[in-house]
Amino acid sequence: MASDPALAADVFARCCESRRTMLDITGRWGTLVLVALGDGTHRFGELRRRIDGVSERMLSQTLQQLERDGFVARDVRATVPPHVEYRLTELGSRFAQHLRGLIELVQDAMPEVIAAQERYDSAH
């Protein structure tokens, strides 16, 4: 059942479709896939090597969901064996740019985060 695109999305509303999309984007694997694809087109195996720790199953599910959401395009070349590549759509590129900024912020702030964790752990 398709929703009316004219209706405003409200991620804070329980039944809003935007919550599912937000989860797809901000889940551990979704964020990493979008940012990795921000570097250019990749094959499945390249993505799996780039995103350390993701299983084939989780990467496949994540790519399918991001493709369904319109963030990723899957290009299949009719070769033997088939050559499949993944790339960001224009929409995906917009999101990846913001997510890259978030990742950079997290990485840059890690000394502060670790210090805060150590203070918390010492106090508790």
PDB file of N, CA and C in Angstrom:
ATOM      1  N   MET A   1       0.844  -1.167   0.000  1.00  0.00           N
ATOM      2  CA  MET A   1       0.000   0.000   0.000  1.00  0.00           C
ATOM      3  C   MET A   1       0.892   1.235   0.000  1.00  0.00           C
ATOM      4  N   ALA A   2       0.762   2.069  -1.016  1.00  0.00           N
ATOM      5  CA  ALA A   2       1.579   3.264  -1.157  1.00  0.00           C
ATOM      6  C   ALA A   2       0.993   4.402  -0.336  1.00  0.00           C
ATOM      7  N   SER A   3       1.871   5.161   0.294  1.00  0.00           N
ATOM      8  CA  SER A   3       1.450   6.327   1.060  1.00  0.00           C
ATOM      9  C   SER A   3       1.350   7.520   0.132  1.00  0.00           C
ATOM     10  N   ASP A   4       0.559   8.505   0.525  1.00  0.00           N
ATOM     11  CA  ASP A   4       0.428   9.735  -0.235  1.00  0.00           C
ATOM     12  C   ASP A   4       1.690  10.570  -0.022  1.00  0.00           C
ATOM     13  N   PRO A   5       2.490  10.801  -1.091  1.00  0.00           N
ATOM     14  CA  PRO A   5       3.729  11.549  -0.920  1.00  0.00           C
ATOM     15  C   PRO A   5       3.502  12.993  -0.513  1.00  0.00           C
ATOM     16  N   ALA A   6       2.268  13.489  -0.663  1.00  0.00           N
ATOM     17  CA  ALA A   6       1.977  14.870  -0.276  1.00  0.00           C
ATOM     18  C   ALA A   6       1.904  15.031   1.241  1.00  0.00           C
ATOM     19  N   LEU A   7       1.725  13.936   1.962  1.00  0.00           N
ATOM     20  CA  LEU A   7       1.653  14.010   3.418  1.00  0.00           C
ATOM     21  C   LEU A   7       3.045  14.260   3.998  1.00  0.00           C
ATOM     22  N   ALA A   8       3.110  15.097   4.993  1.00  0.00           N
ATOM     23  CA  ALA A   8       4.389  15.405   5.624  1.00  0.00           C
ATOM     24  C   ALA A   8       4.869  14.223   6.464  1.00  0.00           C
ATOM     25  N   ALA A   9       6.146  13.925   6.340  1.00  0.00           N
ATOM     26  CA  ALA A   9       6.736  12.859   7.141  1.00  0.00           C
ATOM     27  C   ALA A   9       7.040  13.399   8.536  1.00  0.00           C
ATOM     28  N   ASP A  10       6.861  12.547   9.533  1.00  0.00           N
ATOM     29  CA  ASP A  10       7.166  12.902  10.921  1.00  0.00           C
ATOM     30  C   ASP A  10       7.817  11.696  11.575  1.00  0.00           C
ATOM     31  N   VAL A  11       9.128  11.709  11.630  1.00  0.00           N
ATOM     32  CA  VAL A  11       9.880  10.566  12.153  1.00  0.00           C
ATOM     33  C   VAL A  11       9.537  10.262  13.607  1.00  0.00           C
ATOM     34  N   PHE A  12       8.956  11.234  14.311  1.00  0.00           N
ATOM     35  CA  PHE A  12       8.581  11.013  15.703  1.00  0.00           C
ATOM     36  C   PHE A  12       7.231  10.317  15.833  1.00  0.00           C
ATOM     37  N   ALA A  13       6.471  10.238  14.745  1.00  0.00           N
ATOM     38  CA  ALA A  13       5.169   9.566  14.761  1.00  0.00           C
ATOM     39  C   ALA A  13       5.366   8.058  14.590  1.00  0.00           C
ATOM     40  N   ARG A  14       4.742   7.288  15.435  1.00  0.00           N
ATOM     41  CA  ARG A  14       4.906   5.846  15.473  1.00  0.00           C
ATOM     42  C   ARG A  14       4.659   5.167  14.122  1.00  0.00           C
ATOM     43  N   CYS A  15       3.657   5.557  13.399  1.00  0.00           N
ATOM     44  CA  CYS A  15       3.261   4.881  12.165  1.00  0.00           C
ATOM     45  C   CYS A  15       3.867   5.495  10.902  1.00  0.00           C
ATOM     46  N   CYS A  16       4.718   6.475  11.037  1.00  0.00           N
ATOM     47  CA  CYS A  16       5.269   7.158   9.871  1.00  0.00           C
ATOM     48  C   CYS A  16       6.319   6.287   9.177  1.00  0.00           C
ATOM     49  N   GLU A  17       6.211   6.188   7.860  1.00  0.00           N
ATOM     50  CA  GLU A  17       7.161   5.412   7.052  1.00  0.00           C
ATOM     51  C   GLU A  17       8.594   5.915   7.206  1.00  0.00           C
ATOM     52  N   SER A  18       8.756   7.179   7.563  1.00  0.00           N
ATOM     53  CA  SER A  18      10.099   7.742   7.671  1.00  0.00           C
ATOM     54  C   SER A  18      10.925   7.041   8.754  1.00  0.00           C
ATOM     55  N   ARG A  19      10.260   6.449   9.745  1.00  0.00           N
ATOM     56  CA  ARG A  19      11.008   5.731  10.788  1.00  0.00           C
ATOM     57  C   ARG A  19      11.751   4.542  10.205  1.00  0.00           C
ATOM     58  N   ARG A  20      11.098   3.795   9.329  1.00  0.00           N
ATOM     59  CA  ARG A  20      11.746   2.636   8.710  1.00  0.00           C
ATOM     60  C   ARG A  20      12.921   3.082   7.840  1.00  0.00           C
ATOM     61  N   THR A  21      12.702   4.155   7.094  1.00  0.00           N
ATOM     62  CA  THR A  21      13.772   4.680   6.248  1.00  0.00           C
ATOM     63  C   THR A  21      14.932   5.159   7.113  1.00  0.00           C
ATOM     64  N   MET A  22      14.621   5.833   8.207  1.00  0.00           N
ATOM     65  CA  MET A  22      15.657   6.304   9.129  1.00  0.00           C
ATOM     66  C   MET A  22      16.468   5.121   9.660  1.00  0.00           C
ATOM     67  N   LEU A  23      15.794   4.041   9.990  1.00  0.00           N
ATOM     68  CA  LEU A  23      16.481   2.842  10.467  1.00  0.00           C
ATOM     69  C   LEU A  23      17.379   2.255   9.381  1.00  0.00           C
ATOM     70  N   ASP A  24      16.881   2.210   8.143  1.00  0.00           N
ATOM     71  CA  ASP A  24      17.681   1.677   7.041  1.00  0.00           C
ATOM     72  C   ASP A  24      18.964   2.476   6.850  1.00  0.00           C
ATOM     73  N   ILE A  25      18.858   3.775   6.979  1.00  0.00           N
ATOM     74  CA  ILE A  25      19.992   4.676   6.747  1.00  0.00           C
ATOM     75  C   ILE A  25      20.961   4.666   7.921  1.00  0.00           C
ATOM     76  N   THR A  26      20.438   4.723   9.133  1.00  0.00           N
ATOM     77  CA  THR A  26      21.296   4.924  10.295  1.00  0.00           C
ATOM     78  C   THR A  26      21.699   3.641  11.001  1.00  0.00           C
ATOM     79  N   GLY A  27      21.183   2.512  10.546  1.00  0.00           N
ATOM     80  CA  GLY A  27      21.640   1.251  11.109  1.00  0.00           C
ATOM     81  C   GLY A  27      23.129   1.094  10.824  1.00  0.00           C
ATOM     82  N   ARG A  28      23.790   0.296  11.586  1.00  0.00           N
ATOM     83  CA  ARG A  28      25.239   0.143  11.448  1.00  0.00           C
ATOM     84  C   ARG A  28      25.655  -0.101  10.011  1.00  0.00           C
ATOM     85  N   TRP A  29      25.014  -1.026   9.340  1.00  0.00           N
ATOM     86  CA  TRP A  29      25.451  -1.401   7.999  1.00  0.00           C
ATOM     87  C   TRP A  29      24.991  -0.399   6.950  1.00  0.00           C
ATOM     88  N   GLY A  30      23.807   0.167   7.118  1.00  0.00           N
ATOM     89  CA  GLY A  30      23.310   1.139   6.147  1.00  0.00           C
ATOM     90  C   GLY A  30      24.216   2.349   6.034  1.00  0.00           C
ATOM     91  N   THR A  31      24.604   2.891   7.152  1.00  0.00           N
ATOM     92  CA  THR A  31      25.498   4.053   7.160  1.00  0.00           C
ATOM     93  C   THR A  31      26.817   3.723   6.481  1.00  0.00           C
ATOM     94  N   LEU A  32      27.393   2.586   6.845  1.00  0.00           N
ATOM     95  CA  LEU A  32      28.694   2.221   6.288  1.00  0.00           C
ATOM     96  C   LEU A  32      28.620   1.939   4.790  1.00  0.00           C
ATOM     97  N   VAL A  33      27.545   1.294   4.339  1.00  0.00           N
ATOM     98  CA  VAL A  33      27.376   1.034   2.909  1.00  0.00           C
ATOM     99  C   VAL A  33      27.250   2.342   2.143  1.00  0.00           C
ATOM    100  N   LEU A  34      26.412   3.244   2.625  1.00  0.00           N
ATOM    101  CA  LEU A  34      26.219   4.513   1.924  1.00  0.00           C
ATOM    102  C   LEU A  34      27.520   5.304   1.839  1.00  0.00           C
ATOM    103  N   VAL A  35      28.268   5.362   2.912  1.00  0.00           N
ATOM    104  CA  VAL A  35      29.519   6.124   2.903  1.00  0.00           C
ATOM    105  C   VAL A  35      30.564   5.425   2.030  1.00  0.00           C
ATOM    106  N   ALA A  36      30.638   4.105   2.094  1.00  0.00           N
ATOM    107  CA  ALA A  36      31.587   3.376   1.238  1.00  0.00           C
ATOM    108  C   ALA A  36      31.268   3.606  -0.235  1.00  0.00           C
ATOM    109  N   LEU A  37      29.990   3.580  -0.587  1.00  0.00           N
ATOM    110  CA  LEU A  37      29.604   3.817  -1.977  1.00  0.00           C
ATOM    111  C   LEU A  37      29.791   5.274  -2.375  1.00  0.00           C
ATOM    112  N   GLY A  38      29.904   6.154  -1.390  1.00  0.00           N
ATOM    113  CA  GLY A  38      30.204   7.547  -1.685  1.00  0.00           C
ATOM    114  C   GLY A  38      31.574   7.714  -2.321  1.00  0.00           C
ATOM    115  N   ASP A  39      32.429   6.713  -2.147  1.00  0.00           N
ATOM    116  CA  ASP A  39      33.764   6.727  -2.759  1.00  0.00           C
ATOM    117  C   ASP A  39      33.718   6.279  -4.220  1.00  0.00           C
ATOM    118  N   GLY A  40      32.575   5.745  -4.677  1.00  0.00           N
ATOM    119  CA  GLY A  40      32.446   5.292  -6.059  1.00  0.00           C
ATOM    120  C   GLY A  40      31.731   3.964  -6.154  1.00  0.00           C
ATOM    121  N   THR A  41      31.605   3.475  -7.371  1.00  0.00           N
ATOM    122  CA  THR A  41      30.931   2.208  -7.659  1.00  0.00           C
ATOM    123  C   THR A  41      31.767   1.043  -7.139  1.00  0.00           C
ATOM    124  N   HIS A  42      31.085   0.061  -6.543  1.00  0.00           N
ATOM    125  CA  HIS A  42      31.781  -1.117  -6.000  1.00  0.00           C
ATOM    126  C   HIS A  42      31.001  -2.390  -6.303  1.00  0.00           C
ATOM    127  N   ARG A  43      31.733  -3.455  -6.427  1.00  0.00           N
ATOM    128  CA  ARG A  43      31.127  -4.778  -6.503  1.00  0.00           C
ATOM    129  C   ARG A  43      30.886  -5.270  -5.082  1.00  0.00           C
ATOM    130  N   PHE A  44      30.070  -6.325  -4.960  1.00  0.00           N
ATOM    131  CA  PHE A  44      29.692  -6.868  -3.655  1.00  0.00           C
ATOM    132  C   PHE A  44      30.925  -7.223  -2.821  1.00  0.00           C
ATOM    133  N   GLY A  45      31.851  -7.964  -3.414  1.00  0.00           N
ATOM    134  CA  GLY A  45      33.043  -8.396  -2.681  1.00  0.00           C
ATOM    135  C   GLY A  45      33.896  -7.234  -2.217  1.00  0.00           C
ATOM    136  N   GLU A  46      33.974  -6.196  -3.029  1.00  0.00           N
ATOM    137  CA  GLU A  46      34.734  -5.006  -2.635  1.00  0.00           C
ATOM    138  C   GLU A  46      34.092  -4.344  -1.416  1.00  0.00           C
ATOM    139  N   LEU A  47      32.771  -4.247  -1.444  1.00  0.00           N
ATOM    140  CA  LEU A  47      32.069  -3.660  -0.293  1.00  0.00           C
ATOM    141  C   LEU A  47      32.282  -4.506   0.958  1.00  0.00           C
ATOM    142  N   ARG A  48      32.205  -5.808   0.796  1.00  0.00           N
ATOM    143  CA  ARG A  48      32.363  -6.701   1.956  1.00  0.00           C
ATOM    144  C   ARG A  48      33.747  -6.556   2.574  1.00  0.00           C
ATOM    145  N   ARG A  49      34.762  -6.418   1.725  1.00  0.00           N
ATOM    146  CA  ARG A  49      36.122  -6.219   2.252  1.00  0.00           C
ATOM    147  C   ARG A  49      36.270  -4.841   2.900  1.00  0.00           C
ATOM    148  N   ARG A  50      35.625  -3.853   2.323  1.00  0.00           N
ATOM    149  CA  ARG A  50      35.719  -2.480   2.837  1.00  0.00           C
ATOM    150  C   ARG A  50      35.034  -2.339   4.195  1.00  0.00           C
ATOM    151  N   ILE A  51      33.903  -3.028   4.355  1.00  0.00           N
ATOM    152  CA  ILE A  51      33.109  -2.917   5.578  1.00  0.00           C
ATOM    153  C   ILE A  51      33.422  -4.129   6.452  1.00  0.00           C
ATOM    154  N   ASP A  52      34.485  -4.029   7.164  1.00  0.00           N
ATOM    155  CA  ASP A  52      34.978  -5.123   7.994  1.00  0.00           C
ATOM    156  C   ASP A  52      33.912  -5.575   8.986  1.00  0.00           C
ATOM    157  N   GLY A  53      33.654  -6.880   9.010  1.00  0.00           N
ATOM    158  CA  GLY A  53      32.735  -7.448   9.988  1.00  0.00           C
ATOM    159  C   GLY A  53      31.328  -7.704   9.483  1.00  0.00           C
ATOM    160  N   VAL A  54      30.957  -7.179   8.326  1.00  0.00           N
ATOM    161  CA  VAL A  54      29.607  -7.414   7.808  1.00  0.00           C
ATOM    162  C   VAL A  54      29.560  -8.798   7.158  1.00  0.00           C
ATOM    163  N   SER A  55      28.509  -9.544   7.446  1.00  0.00           N
ATOM    164  CA  SER A  55      28.351 -10.856   6.823  1.00  0.00           C
ATOM    165  C   SER A  55      27.773 -10.687   5.422  1.00  0.00           C
ATOM    166  N   GLU A  56      27.921 -11.702   4.596  1.00  0.00           N
ATOM    167  CA  GLU A  56      27.342 -11.661   3.248  1.00  0.00           C
ATOM    168  C   GLU A  56      25.841 -11.443   3.327  1.00  0.00           C
ATOM    169  N   ARG A  57      25.194 -12.130   4.235  1.00  0.00           N
ATOM    170  CA  ARG A  57      23.736 -12.030   4.376  1.00  0.00           C
ATOM    171  C   ARG A  57      23.317 -10.606   4.747  1.00  0.00           C
ATOM    172  N   MET A  58      23.993 -10.011   5.735  1.00  0.00           N
ATOM    173  CA  MET A  58      23.631  -8.660   6.174  1.00  0.00           C
ATOM    174  C   MET A  58      23.926  -7.627   5.090  1.00  0.00           C
ATOM    175  N   LEU A  59      25.035  -7.795   4.382  1.00  0.00           N
ATOM    176  CA  LEU A  59      25.356  -6.869   3.303  1.00  0.00           C
ATOM    177  C   LEU A  59      24.324  -6.972   2.194  1.00  0.00           C
ATOM    178  N   SER A  60      23.944  -8.179   1.855  1.00  0.00           N
ATOM    179  CA  SER A  60      22.933  -8.388   0.817  1.00  0.00           C
ATOM    180  C   SER A  60      21.600  -7.769   1.217  1.00  0.00           C
ATOM    181  N   GLN A  61      21.159  -7.998   2.443  1.00  0.00           N
ATOM    182  CA  GLN A  61      19.903  -7.427   2.928  1.00  0.00           C
ATOM    183  C   GLN A  61      19.958  -5.899   2.957  1.00  0.00           C
ATOM    184  N   THR A  62      21.089  -5.370   3.399  1.00  0.00           N
ATOM    185  CA  THR A  62      21.244  -3.919   3.482  1.00  0.00           C
ATOM    186  C   THR A  62      21.202  -3.294   2.095  1.00  0.00           C
ATOM    187  N   LEU A  63      21.922  -3.888   1.150  1.00  0.00           N
ATOM    188  CA  LEU A  63      21.916  -3.368  -0.219  1.00  0.00           C
ATOM    189  C   LEU A  63      20.517  -3.420  -0.826  1.00  0.00           C
ATOM    190  N   GLN A  64      19.794  -4.515  -0.583  1.00  0.00           N
ATOM    191  CA  GLN A  64      18.426  -4.629  -1.112  1.00  0.00           C
ATOM    192  C   GLN A  64      17.530  -3.551  -0.525  1.00  0.00           C
ATOM    193  N   GLN A  65      17.627  -3.316   0.763  1.00  0.00           N
ATOM    194  CA  GLN A  65      16.765  -2.318   1.401  1.00  0.00           C
ATOM    195  C   GLN A  65      17.124  -0.911   0.928  1.00  0.00           C
ATOM    196  N   LEU A  66      18.414  -0.623   0.806  1.00  0.00           N
ATOM    197  CA  LEU A  66      18.830   0.694   0.333  1.00  0.00           C
ATOM    198  C   LEU A  66      18.445   0.903  -1.136  1.00  0.00           C
ATOM    199  N   GLU A  67      18.452  -0.177  -1.905  1.00  0.00           N
ATOM    200  CA  GLU A  67      17.984  -0.093  -3.293  1.00  0.00           C
ATOM    201  C   GLU A  67      16.478   0.181  -3.314  1.00  0.00           C
ATOM    202  N   ARG A  68      15.737  -0.511  -2.475  1.00  0.00           N
ATOM    203  CA  ARG A  68      14.290  -0.311  -2.387  1.00  0.00           C
ATOM    204  C   ARG A  68      13.959   1.121  -1.991  1.00  0.00           C
ATOM    205  N   ASP A  69      14.744   1.696  -1.090  1.00  0.00           N
ATOM    206  CA  ASP A  69      14.522   3.061  -0.615  1.00  0.00           C
ATOM    207  C   ASP A  69      14.952   4.118  -1.636  1.00  0.00           C
ATOM    208  N   GLY A  70      15.670   3.694  -2.684  1.00  0.00           N
ATOM    209  CA  GLY A  70      16.097   4.629  -3.719  1.00  0.00           C
ATOM    210  C   GLY A  70      17.454   5.256  -3.492  1.00  0.00           C
ATOM    211  N   PHE A  71      18.242   4.702  -2.564  1.00  0.00           N
ATOM    212  CA  PHE A  71      19.555   5.247  -2.258  1.00  0.00           C
ATOM    213  C   PHE A  71      20.673   4.590  -3.068  1.00  0.00           C
ATOM    214  N   VAL A  72      20.460   3.345  -3.458  1.00  0.00           N
ATOM    215  CA  VAL A  72      21.483   2.558  -4.153  1.00  0.00           C
ATOM    216  C   VAL A  72      20.899   2.018  -5.451  1.00  0.00           C
ATOM    217  N   ALA A  73      21.730   2.023  -6.495  1.00  0.00           N
ATOM    218  CA  ALA A  73      21.350   1.416  -7.774  1.00  0.00           C
ATOM    219  C   ALA A  73      22.218   0.182  -7.986  1.00  0.00           C
ATOM    220  N   ARG A  74      21.597  -0.861  -8.470  1.00  0.00           N
ATOM    221  CA  ARG A  74      22.278  -2.127  -8.748  1.00  0.00           C
ATOM    222  C   ARG A  74      22.368  -2.272 -10.252  1.00  0.00           C
ATOM    223  N   ASP A  75      23.583  -2.331 -10.767  1.00  0.00           N
ATOM    224  CA  ASP A  75      23.804  -2.456 -12.204  1.00  0.00           C
ATOM    225  C   ASP A  75      24.338  -3.848 -12.510  1.00  0.00           C
ATOM    226  N   VAL A  76      23.616  -4.579 -13.358  1.00  0.00           N
ATOM    227  CA  VAL A  76      24.008  -5.946 -13.722  1.00  0.00           C
ATOM    228  C   VAL A  76      24.435  -5.949 -15.181  1.00  0.00           C
ATOM    229  N   ARG A  77      25.640  -6.431 -15.427  1.00  0.00           N
ATOM    230  CA  ARG A  77      26.133  -6.580 -16.797  1.00  0.00           C
ATOM    231  C   ARG A  77      25.940  -8.027 -17.212  1.00  0.00           C
ATOM    232  N   ALA A  78      25.461  -8.218 -18.405  1.00  0.00           N
ATOM    233  CA  ALA A  78      25.184  -9.562 -18.924  1.00  0.00           C
ATOM    234  C   ALA A  78      26.475 -10.215 -19.398  1.00  0.00           C
ATOM    235  N   THR A  79      27.267 -10.654 -18.435  1.00  0.00           N
ATOM    236  CA  THR A  79      28.498 -11.375 -18.727  1.00  0.00           C
ATOM    237  C   THR A  79      28.421 -12.719 -18.026  1.00  0.00           C
ATOM    238  N   VAL A  80      29.366 -13.595 -18.318  1.00  0.00           N
ATOM    239  CA  VAL A  80      29.430 -14.885 -17.630  1.00  0.00           C
ATOM    240  C   VAL A  80      30.751 -14.925 -16.888  1.00  0.00           C
ATOM    241  N   PRO A  81      30.736 -14.963 -15.558  1.00  0.00           N
ATOM    242  CA  PRO A  81      29.580 -14.825 -14.666  1.00  0.00           C
ATOM    243  C   PRO A  81      29.062 -13.380 -14.693  1.00  0.00           C
ATOM    244  N   PRO A  82      27.838 -13.175 -14.199  1.00  0.00           N
ATOM    245  CA  PRO A  82      27.272 -11.817 -14.198  1.00  0.00           C
ATOM    246  C   PRO A  82      28.163 -10.865 -13.387  1.00  0.00           C
ATOM    247  N   HIS A  83      28.273  -9.658 -13.870  1.00  0.00           N
ATOM    248  CA  HIS A  83      29.066  -8.615 -13.214  1.00  0.00           C
ATOM    249  C   HIS A  83      28.077  -7.625 -12.607  1.00  0.00           C
ATOM    250  N   VAL A  84      28.019  -7.580 -11.274  1.00  0.00           N
ATOM    251  CA  VAL A  84      27.066  -6.716 -10.575  1.00  0.00           C
ATOM    252  C   VAL A  84      27.837  -5.636  -9.838  1.00  0.00           C
ATOM    253  N   GLU A  85      27.410  -4.397 -10.042  1.00  0.00           N
ATOM    254  CA  GLU A  85      28.020  -3.266  -9.354  1.00  0.00           C
ATOM    255  C   GLU A  85      26.936  -2.466  -8.647  1.00  0.00           C
ATOM    256  N   TYR A  86      27.336  -1.820  -7.566  1.00  0.00           N
ATOM    257  CA  TYR A  86      26.430  -0.982  -6.783  1.00  0.00           C
ATOM    258  C   TYR A  86      26.983   0.442  -6.783  1.00  0.00           C
ATOM    259  N   ARG A  87      26.075   1.397  -6.889  1.00  0.00           N
ATOM    260  CA  ARG A  87      26.457   2.804  -6.862  1.00  0.00           C
ATOM    261  C   ARG A  87      25.354   3.584  -6.172  1.00  0.00           C
ATOM    262  N   LEU A  88      25.699   4.774  -5.721  1.00  0.00           N
ATOM    263  CA  LEU A  88      24.703   5.635  -5.107  1.00  0.00           C
ATOM    264  C   LEU A  88      23.868   6.310  -6.186  1.00  0.00           C
ATOM    265  N   THR A  89      22.604   6.491  -5.882  1.00  0.00           N
ATOM    266  CA  THR A  89      21.752   7.331  -6.706  1.00  0.00           C
ATOM    267  C   THR A  89      22.004   8.780  -6.290  1.00  0.00           C
ATOM    268  N   GLU A  90      21.371   9.702  -6.961  1.00  0.00           N
ATOM    269  CA  GLU A  90      21.502  11.107  -6.567  1.00  0.00           C
ATOM    270  C   GLU A  90      21.014  11.297  -5.132  1.00  0.00           C
ATOM    271  N   LEU A  91      19.887  10.666  -4.807  1.00  0.00           N
ATOM    272  CA  LEU A  91      19.355  10.732  -3.444  1.00  0.00           C
ATOM    273  C   LEU A  91      20.351  10.131  -2.450  1.00  0.00           C
ATOM    274  N   GLY A  92      20.904   8.972  -2.783  1.00  0.00           N
ATOM    275  CA  GLY A  92      21.879   8.325  -1.914  1.00  0.00           C
ATOM    276  C   GLY A  92      23.116   9.179  -1.693  1.00  0.00           C
ATOM    277  N   SER A  93      23.546   9.884  -2.733  1.00  0.00           N
ATOM    278  CA  SER A  93      24.712  10.763  -2.610  1.00  0.00           C
ATOM    279  C   SER A  93      24.461  11.888  -1.623  1.00  0.00           C
ATOM    280  N   ARG A  94      23.250  12.418  -1.638  1.00  0.00           N
ATOM    281  CA  ARG A  94      22.913  13.493  -0.687  1.00  0.00           C
ATOM    282  C   ARG A  94      23.004  12.993   0.745  1.00  0.00           C
ATOM    283  N   PHE A  95      22.487  11.793   0.983  1.00  0.00           N
ATOM    284  CA  PHE A  95      22.530  11.234   2.336  1.00  0.00           C
ATOM    285  C   PHE A  95      23.956  10.855   2.734  1.00  0.00           C
ATOM    286  N   ALA A  96      24.703  10.261   1.811  1.00  0.00           N
ATOM    287  CA  ALA A  96      26.071   9.813   2.109  1.00  0.00           C
ATOM    288  C   ALA A  96      26.946  10.986   2.514  1.00  0.00           C
ATOM    289  N   GLN A  97      26.744  12.126   1.896  1.00  0.00           N
ATOM    290  CA  GLN A  97      27.531  13.306   2.227  1.00  0.00           C
ATOM    291  C   GLN A  97      27.345  13.684   3.703  1.00  0.00           C
ATOM    292  N   HIS A  98      26.110  13.662   4.168  1.00  0.00           N
ATOM    293  CA  HIS A  98      25.843  13.994   5.574  1.00  0.00           C
ATOM    294  C   HIS A  98      26.354  12.908   6.511  1.00  0.00           C
ATOM    295  N   LEU A  99      26.191  11.663   6.110  1.00  0.00           N
ATOM    296  CA  LEU A  99      26.660  10.563   6.950  1.00  0.00           C
ATOM    297  C   LEU A  99      28.183  10.559   7.061  1.00  0.00           C
ATOM    298  N   ARG A 100      28.867  10.931   5.981  1.00  0.00           N
ATOM    299  CA  ARG A 100      30.335  11.027   6.032  1.00  0.00           C
ATOM    300  C   ARG A 100      30.736  12.067   7.087  1.00  0.00           C
ATOM    301  N   GLY A 101      30.022  13.177   7.133  1.00  0.00           N
ATOM    302  CA  GLY A 101      30.303  14.193   8.147  1.00  0.00           C
ATOM    303  C   GLY A 101      30.109  13.653   9.552  1.00  0.00           C
ATOM    304  N   LEU A 102      29.058  12.857   9.741  1.00  0.00           N
ATOM    305  CA  LEU A 102      28.813  12.246  11.052  1.00  0.00           C
ATOM    306  C   LEU A 102      29.941  11.285  11.419  1.00  0.00           C
ATOM    307  N   ILE A 103      30.365  10.466  10.469  1.00  0.00           N
ATOM    308  CA  ILE A 103      31.453   9.518  10.732  1.00  0.00           C
ATOM    309  C   ILE A 103      32.737  10.271  11.089  1.00  0.00           C
ATOM    310  N   GLU A 104      33.025  11.333  10.357  1.00  0.00           N
ATOM    311  CA  GLU A 104      34.226  12.122  10.656  1.00  0.00           C
ATOM    312  C   GLU A 104      34.132  12.743  12.046  1.00  0.00           C
ATOM    313  N   LEU A 105      32.954  13.233  12.408  1.00  0.00           N
ATOM    314  CA  LEU A 105      32.752  13.801  13.741  1.00  0.00           C
ATOM    315  C   LEU A 105      32.980  12.749  14.819  1.00  0.00           C
ATOM    316  N   VAL A 106      32.427  11.563  14.627  1.00  0.00           N
ATOM    317  CA  VAL A 106      32.607  10.467  15.591  1.00  0.00           C
ATOM    318  C   VAL A 106      34.086  10.124  15.730  1.00  0.00           C
ATOM    319  N   GLN A 107      34.755   9.941  14.602  1.00  0.00           N
ATOM    320  CA  GLN A 107      36.172   9.566  14.646  1.00  0.00           C
ATOM    321  C   GLN A 107      37.012  10.650  15.318  1.00  0.00           C
ATOM    322  N   ASP A 108      36.744  11.912  15.000  1.00  0.00           N
ATOM    323  CA  ASP A 108      37.504  13.011  15.593  1.00  0.00           C
ATOM    324  C   ASP A 108      37.252  13.148  17.094  1.00  0.00           C
ATOM    325  N   ALA A 109      36.050  12.817  17.529  1.00  0.00           N
ATOM    326  CA  ALA A 109      35.680  12.985  18.939  1.00  0.00           C
ATOM    327  C   ALA A 109      36.045  11.790  19.807  1.00  0.00           C
ATOM    328  N   MET A 110      36.604  10.738  19.239  1.00  0.00           N
ATOM    329  CA  MET A 110      36.862   9.527  20.017  1.00  0.00           C
ATOM    330  C   MET A 110      37.734   9.736  21.250  1.00  0.00           C
ATOM    331  N   PRO A 111      38.771  10.571  21.208  1.00  0.00           N
ATOM    332  CA  PRO A 111      39.522  10.782  22.462  1.00  0.00           C
ATOM    333  C   PRO A 111      38.628  11.327  23.582  1.00  0.00           C
ATOM    334  N   GLU A 112      37.723  12.245  23.247  1.00  0.00           N
ATOM    335  CA  GLU A 112      36.808  12.799  24.248  1.00  0.00           C
ATOM    336  C   GLU A 112      35.806  11.748  24.723  1.00  0.00           C
ATOM    337  N   VAL A 113      35.326  10.944  23.793  1.00  0.00           N
ATOM    338  CA  VAL A 113      34.365   9.893  24.139  1.00  0.00           C
ATOM    339  C   VAL A 113      35.017   8.870  25.066  1.00  0.00           C
ATOM    340  N   ILE A 114      36.216   8.448  24.719  1.00  0.00           N
ATOM    341  CA  ILE A 114      36.925   7.459  25.545  1.00  0.00           C
ATOM    342  C   ILE A 114      37.190   8.022  26.938  1.00  0.00           C
ATOM    343  N   ALA A 115      37.592   9.283  27.021  1.00  0.00           N
ATOM    344  CA  ALA A 115      37.825   9.917  28.334  1.00  0.00           C
ATOM    345  C   ALA A 115      36.529   9.959  29.138  1.00  0.00           C
ATOM    346  N   ALA A 116      35.423  10.306  28.497  1.00  0.00           N
ATOM    347  CA  ALA A 116      34.130  10.341  29.195  1.00  0.00           C
ATOM    348  C   ALA A 116      33.733   8.952  29.673  1.00  0.00           C
ATOM    349  N   GLN A 117      33.957   7.933  28.853  1.00  0.00           N
ATOM    350  CA  GLN A 117      33.642   6.561  29.245  1.00  0.00           C
ATOM    351  C   GLN A 117      34.475   6.130  30.444  1.00  0.00           C
ATOM    352  N   GLU A 118      35.742   6.487  30.415  1.00  0.00           N
ATOM    353  CA  GLU A 118      36.617   6.129  31.539  1.00  0.00           C
ATOM    354  C   GLU A 118      36.182   6.822  32.827  1.00  0.00           C
ATOM    355  N   ARG A 119      35.795   8.113  32.730  1.00  0.00           N
ATOM    356  CA  ARG A 119      35.299   8.831  33.923  1.00  0.00           C
ATOM    357  C   ARG A 119      34.026   8.168  34.436  1.00  0.00           C
ATOM    358  N   TYR A 120      33.125   7.838  33.545  1.00  0.00           N
ATOM    359  CA  TYR A 120      31.870   7.209  33.932  1.00  0.00           C
ATOM    360  C   TYR A 120      32.138   5.861  34.606  1.00  0.00           C
ATOM    361  N   ASP A 121      32.983   5.042  33.964  1.00  0.00           N
ATOM    362  CA  ASP A 121      33.289   3.714  34.503  1.00  0.00           C
ATOM    363  C   ASP A 121      33.936   3.803  35.889  1.00  0.00           C
ATOM    364  N   SER A 122      34.800   4.786  36.082  1.00  0.00           N
ATOM    365  CA  SER A 122      35.449   4.965  37.392  1.00  0.00           C
ATOM    366  C   SER A 122      34.449   5.360  38.464  1.00  0.00           C
ATOM    367  N   ALA A 123      33.455   6.159  38.086  1.00  0.00           N
ATOM    368  CA  ALA A 123      32.466   6.631  39.039  1.00  0.00           C
ATOM    369  C   ALA A 123      31.385   5.580  39.330  1.00  0.00           C
ATOM    370  N   HIS A 124      31.237   4.620  38.452  1.00  0.00           N
ATOM    371  CA  HIS A 124      30.179   3.618  38.630  1.00  0.00           C
ATOM    372  C   HIS A 124      30.812   2.274  38.821  1.00  0.00           C
TER     373      HIS A 124
END
